[in-house]
Amino acid sequence: MKPQNVGQRIEQMIAEIPPAAQRTERIFDAMRAVPRHPFIPVHAQALLGAAEVEQIIDRDADPETWWNAVYSDSVIVTQVSDGADEIMPGSNDPTSSASAPSTVADLLGWLDPVPGQRVLEVGTGTGWTAALLSHLVGEHGSVTSIEVDEAVAEQAAKNVAAAGTQPHMIIDDGAKGCPDRAPFDRVHVTCGHLQGGGRPALSMGDGPERSWRLDADHLRARSSGI
């Protein structure tokens, strides 16, 4: 894959992301250091902009459209129907995707990982967030990323290796956590779907259990020293 003005494209992508307190320059610097394109497959379904207008992108057939979509503030669907079906126009059963960069910036900003911390990620997806987290915690920190889908996890491992980052990758059910590598300073969860009114429950910590139950409309959580 021959990069096409990647630095300029990254700056254009960042410029598309509206300002917000949690979208810090430190997060954007991580995006500059860990480009998005190595984590996006040749063929995918882009959901462009806030309106999520569908566009099938193919790097081999139309490289310019592919690069433009990858470096826009858009969701990129990378798997449908748990891999049972090919991505085609109108595919409406996404089971793995690359979140929009603005969403990634929000979650990382709220998580606020700092160098030297230990981070658990549940839901590896393409591996881009795991790679960004690895950059943010630095060589003295660690990132453990769990993915339940074997095919998704294997591709993510290739992606992070190509990007030169080294999170610890695990194929398993993230609901089990990873007690062998605990404790963690931060937990980043991007998996599953909630219907309106649904609530995710997070339970973590050694000794007396500490848990959080969050309204689906308030999925902003941060916890330190767990």
Protein backbone atom coordinates (compact mmCIF):
# COMPACT_ATOMS: atom_id res chain seq x y z
CA MET A 1 0.00 0.00 0.00
CA LYS A 2 1.59 3.26 -1.11
CA PRO A 3 0.69 6.15 1.21
CA GLN A 4 -0.77 9.19 -0.51
CA ASN A 5 0.00 12.46 1.32
CA VAL A 6 -0.79 10.78 4.63
CA GLY A 7 0.33 13.69 6.80
CA GLN A 8 -1.88 16.12 4.90
CA ARG A 9 -4.81 13.70 4.99
CA ILE A 10 -4.48 13.24 8.76
CA GLU A 11 -4.58 17.01 9.26
CA GLN A 12 -7.69 17.25 7.08
CA MET A 13 -9.34 14.46 9.12
CA ILE A 14 -8.52 16.20 12.40
CA ALA A 15 -9.84 19.49 11.01
CA GLU A 16 -13.22 17.79 10.37
CA ILE A 17 -13.58 16.90 14.07
CA PRO A 18 -15.51 19.65 15.90
CA PRO A 19 -13.78 21.09 18.98
CA ALA A 20 -14.71 19.61 22.37
CA ALA A 21 -12.99 19.66 25.76
CA GLN A 22 -12.15 15.95 25.69
CA ARG A 23 -10.71 16.14 22.15
CA THR A 24 -7.26 17.25 23.24
CA GLU A 25 -4.16 17.94 21.20
CA ARG A 26 -2.54 14.96 22.92
CA ILE A 27 -5.17 12.67 21.38
CA PHE A 28 -4.70 14.28 17.98
CA ASP A 29 -0.93 13.86 18.27
CA ALA A 30 -1.53 10.13 18.81
CA MET A 31 -3.60 10.07 15.61
CA ARG A 32 -0.73 11.76 13.81
CA ALA A 33 1.70 9.17 15.14
CA VAL A 34 -0.57 6.19 14.39
CA PRO A 35 -2.24 6.72 10.98
CA ARG A 36 -5.64 5.16 10.38
CA HIS A 37 -5.15 3.63 6.94
CA PRO A 38 -3.18 0.48 7.95
CA PHE A 39 -6.25 -0.59 9.95
CA ILE A 40 -8.80 -0.33 7.12
CA PRO A 41 -9.29 -3.26 4.71
CA VAL A 42 -9.10 -2.98 0.94
CA HIS A 43 -12.88 -3.39 0.61
CA ALA A 44 -15.24 -1.85 3.15
CA GLN A 45 -18.46 0.10 3.66
CA ALA A 46 -17.99 3.75 4.58
CA LEU A 47 -20.78 5.59 6.39
CA LEU A 48 -19.83 9.13 5.53
CA GLY A 49 -20.27 12.04 7.91
CA ALA A 50 -22.94 12.66 10.52
CA ALA A 51 -25.64 11.52 8.07
CA GLU A 52 -23.76 8.21 7.58
CA VAL A 53 -24.26 8.17 3.82
CA GLU A 54 -23.26 4.73 2.55
CA GLN A 55 -20.37 4.36 0.14
CA ILE A 56 -18.64 1.11 -0.78
CA ILE A 57 -14.91 1.75 -0.92
CA ASP A 58 -12.29 -0.40 -2.65
CA ARG A 59 -8.63 0.58 -2.58
CA ASP A 60 -7.78 -1.40 -5.71
CA ALA A 61 -10.73 -0.30 -7.85
CA ASP A 62 -10.86 3.36 -6.74
CA PRO A 63 -7.94 4.29 -4.51
CA GLU A 64 -8.73 8.01 -4.27
CA THR A 65 -12.24 7.38 -2.95
CA TRP A 66 -10.83 4.84 -0.49
CA TRP A 67 -8.22 7.27 0.86
CA ASN A 68 -10.76 10.10 1.09
CA ALA A 69 -13.15 7.95 3.12
CA VAL A 70 -10.46 6.55 5.41
CA TYR A 71 -9.27 10.05 6.30
CA SER A 72 -12.72 11.51 6.91
CA ASP A 73 -14.64 11.63 10.17
CA SER A 74 -16.64 8.57 9.18
CA VAL A 75 -17.46 5.08 10.39
CA ILE A 76 -15.94 2.32 8.26
CA VAL A 77 -17.75 -1.03 8.44
CA THR A 78 -15.21 -3.84 8.12
CA GLN A 79 -17.38 -6.92 8.70
CA VAL A 80 -21.06 -7.79 8.28
CA SER A 81 -23.05 -10.80 9.51
CA ASP A 82 -20.12 -12.01 11.63
CA GLY A 83 -18.16 -12.57 8.43
CA ALA A 84 -20.77 -14.84 6.84
CA ASP A 85 -21.56 -12.33 4.08
CA GLU A 86 -19.50 -10.10 1.84
CA ILE A 87 -19.80 -6.33 2.22
CA MET A 88 -22.07 -5.09 -0.54
CA PRO A 89 -24.21 -2.01 -1.22
CA GLY A 90 -27.08 -2.02 1.25
CA SER A 91 -25.36 -4.30 3.77
CA ASN A 92 -27.15 -3.56 7.04
CA ASP A 93 -25.81 -6.06 9.57
CA PRO A 94 -22.48 -4.55 10.69
CA THR A 95 -20.62 -6.73 13.19
CA SER A 96 -17.26 -4.96 13.23
CA SER A 97 -16.21 -1.46 12.26
CA ALA A 98 -13.71 1.33 12.66
CA SER A 99 -15.41 4.02 14.73
CA ALA A 100 -15.48 7.57 13.42
CA PRO A 101 -12.32 9.44 14.48
CA SER A 102 -14.39 11.93 16.48
CA THR A 103 -15.86 9.05 18.50
CA VAL A 104 -12.40 7.60 19.03
CA ALA A 105 -11.16 11.00 20.20
CA ASP A 106 -14.10 11.33 22.61
CA LEU A 107 -13.56 7.92 24.21
CA LEU A 108 -9.81 8.35 24.52
CA GLY A 109 -10.25 11.85 25.88
CA TRP A 110 -12.70 10.70 28.54
CA LEU A 111 -10.49 7.74 29.38
CA ASP A 112 -7.48 10.07 29.72
CA PRO A 113 -4.71 7.43 29.71
CA VAL A 114 -1.29 8.70 30.73
CA PRO A 115 2.21 7.29 30.21
CA GLY A 116 3.01 4.27 32.33
CA GLN A 117 -0.57 3.14 32.88
CA ARG A 118 -2.01 -0.32 32.31
CA VAL A 119 -5.08 -0.33 30.06
CA LEU A 120 -7.61 -3.06 29.27
CA GLU A 121 -9.54 -2.72 26.02
CA VAL A 122 -12.63 -4.86 25.44
CA GLY A 123 -13.45 -5.07 21.73
CA THR A 124 -10.30 -4.84 19.58
CA GLY A 125 -12.05 -4.31 16.25
CA THR A 126 -9.54 -3.12 13.66
CA GLY A 127 -6.88 -2.53 16.33
CA TRP A 128 -6.56 1.22 15.74
CA THR A 129 -7.67 2.18 19.25
CA ALA A 130 -5.35 -0.42 20.77
CA ALA A 131 -2.48 1.09 18.79
CA LEU A 132 -3.45 4.63 19.81
CA LEU A 133 -3.63 3.53 23.46
CA SER A 134 -0.18 1.94 23.16
CA HIS A 135 1.18 5.25 21.93
CA LEU A 136 -0.54 7.18 24.73
CA VAL A 137 0.70 4.97 27.58
CA GLY A 138 4.19 4.70 26.11
CA GLU A 139 6.89 2.11 26.55
CA HIS A 140 6.45 1.94 30.32
CA GLY A 141 2.70 1.30 30.08
CA SER A 142 0.83 -1.67 28.68
CA VAL A 143 -2.33 -2.32 26.67
CA THR A 144 -4.25 -5.59 26.77
CA SER A 145 -6.93 -5.89 24.08
CA ILE A 146 -9.58 -8.63 23.97
CA GLU A 147 -11.61 -9.59 20.89
CA VAL A 148 -14.17 -12.41 20.78
CA ASP A 149 -14.21 -12.84 16.98
CA GLU A 150 -11.21 -14.88 15.89
CA ALA A 151 -11.08 -13.55 12.32
CA VAL A 152 -11.37 -9.94 13.51
CA ALA A 153 -8.68 -10.51 16.15
CA GLU A 154 -6.26 -12.13 13.70
CA GLN A 155 -6.59 -9.23 11.26
CA ALA A 156 -6.21 -6.71 14.08
CA ALA A 157 -2.99 -8.41 15.17
CA LYS A 158 -1.62 -8.00 11.64
CA ASN A 159 -2.74 -4.36 11.59
CA VAL A 160 -1.05 -3.38 14.85
CA ALA A 161 2.13 -5.21 13.85
CA ALA A 162 2.21 -3.31 10.54
CA ALA A 163 1.76 -0.07 12.49
CA GLY A 164 4.73 -0.91 14.72
CA THR A 165 2.80 -1.05 18.01
CA GLN A 166 2.71 -3.95 20.45
CA PRO A 167 -0.47 -4.25 22.53
CA HIS A 168 -1.07 -7.65 24.09
CA MET A 169 -3.81 -9.27 22.00
CA ILE A 170 -6.20 -11.92 23.33
CA ILE A 171 -8.97 -13.87 21.57
CA ASP A 172 -11.66 -14.43 24.18
CA ASP A 173 -14.94 -13.16 25.58
CA GLY A 174 -14.25 -9.71 26.99
CA ALA A 175 -16.96 -10.22 29.61
CA LYS A 176 -14.44 -12.41 31.45
CA GLY A 177 -11.95 -9.57 31.69
CA CYS A 178 -8.30 -10.55 31.95
CA PRO A 179 -7.44 -11.38 35.58
CA ASP A 180 -4.03 -12.75 34.57
CA ARG A 181 -2.90 -9.26 33.55
CA ALA A 182 -4.83 -7.24 36.15
CA PRO A 183 -4.94 -4.76 37.78
CA PHE A 184 -5.65 -2.03 35.24
CA ASP A 185 -5.63 1.75 35.55
CA ARG A 186 -8.10 2.24 32.72
CA VAL A 187 -10.74 0.09 30.97
CA HIS A 188 -11.89 0.97 27.44
CA VAL A 189 -15.01 -0.82 26.18
CA THR A 190 -16.28 -0.60 22.60
CA CYS A 191 -18.38 -3.66 21.88
CA GLY A 192 -21.97 -4.84 21.70
CA HIS A 193 -25.14 -2.90 21.15
CA LEU A 194 -27.71 -1.49 23.56
CA GLN A 195 -31.35 -0.80 22.85
CA GLY A 196 -32.88 2.42 24.16
CA GLY A 197 -32.97 2.36 27.93
CA GLY A 198 -30.35 -0.40 28.11
CA ARG A 199 -27.55 -0.27 30.67
CA PRO A 200 -24.04 -1.68 30.56
CA ALA A 201 -22.57 -2.85 33.86
CA LEU A 202 -18.88 -2.55 34.62
CA SER A 203 -17.47 -4.47 37.54
CA MET A 204 -13.78 -4.33 38.41
CA GLY A 205 -11.25 -4.16 41.17
CA ASP A 206 -9.47 -6.41 43.64
CA GLY A 207 -10.97 -7.13 47.04
CA PRO A 208 -14.46 -5.67 47.53
CA GLU A 209 -16.11 -5.46 44.15
CA ARG A 210 -16.60 -2.03 42.64
CA SER A 211 -19.17 -1.67 39.89
CA TRP A 212 -20.90 0.94 37.79
CA ARG A 213 -24.25 0.87 36.01
CA LEU A 214 -24.65 3.55 33.38
CA ASP A 215 -27.70 4.83 31.54
CA ALA A 216 -27.42 4.26 27.80
CA ASP A 217 -27.75 8.03 27.28
CA HIS A 218 -24.80 8.68 29.60
CA LEU A 219 -22.04 6.36 28.41
CA ARG A 220 -19.25 8.54 29.71
CA ALA A 221 -17.18 6.88 32.40
CA ARG A 222 -13.75 7.28 33.87
CA SER A 223 -12.13 5.48 36.74
CA SER A 224 -8.59 5.68 38.09
CA GLY A 225 -6.38 3.32 40.02
CA ILE A 226 -8.47 0.19 39.51
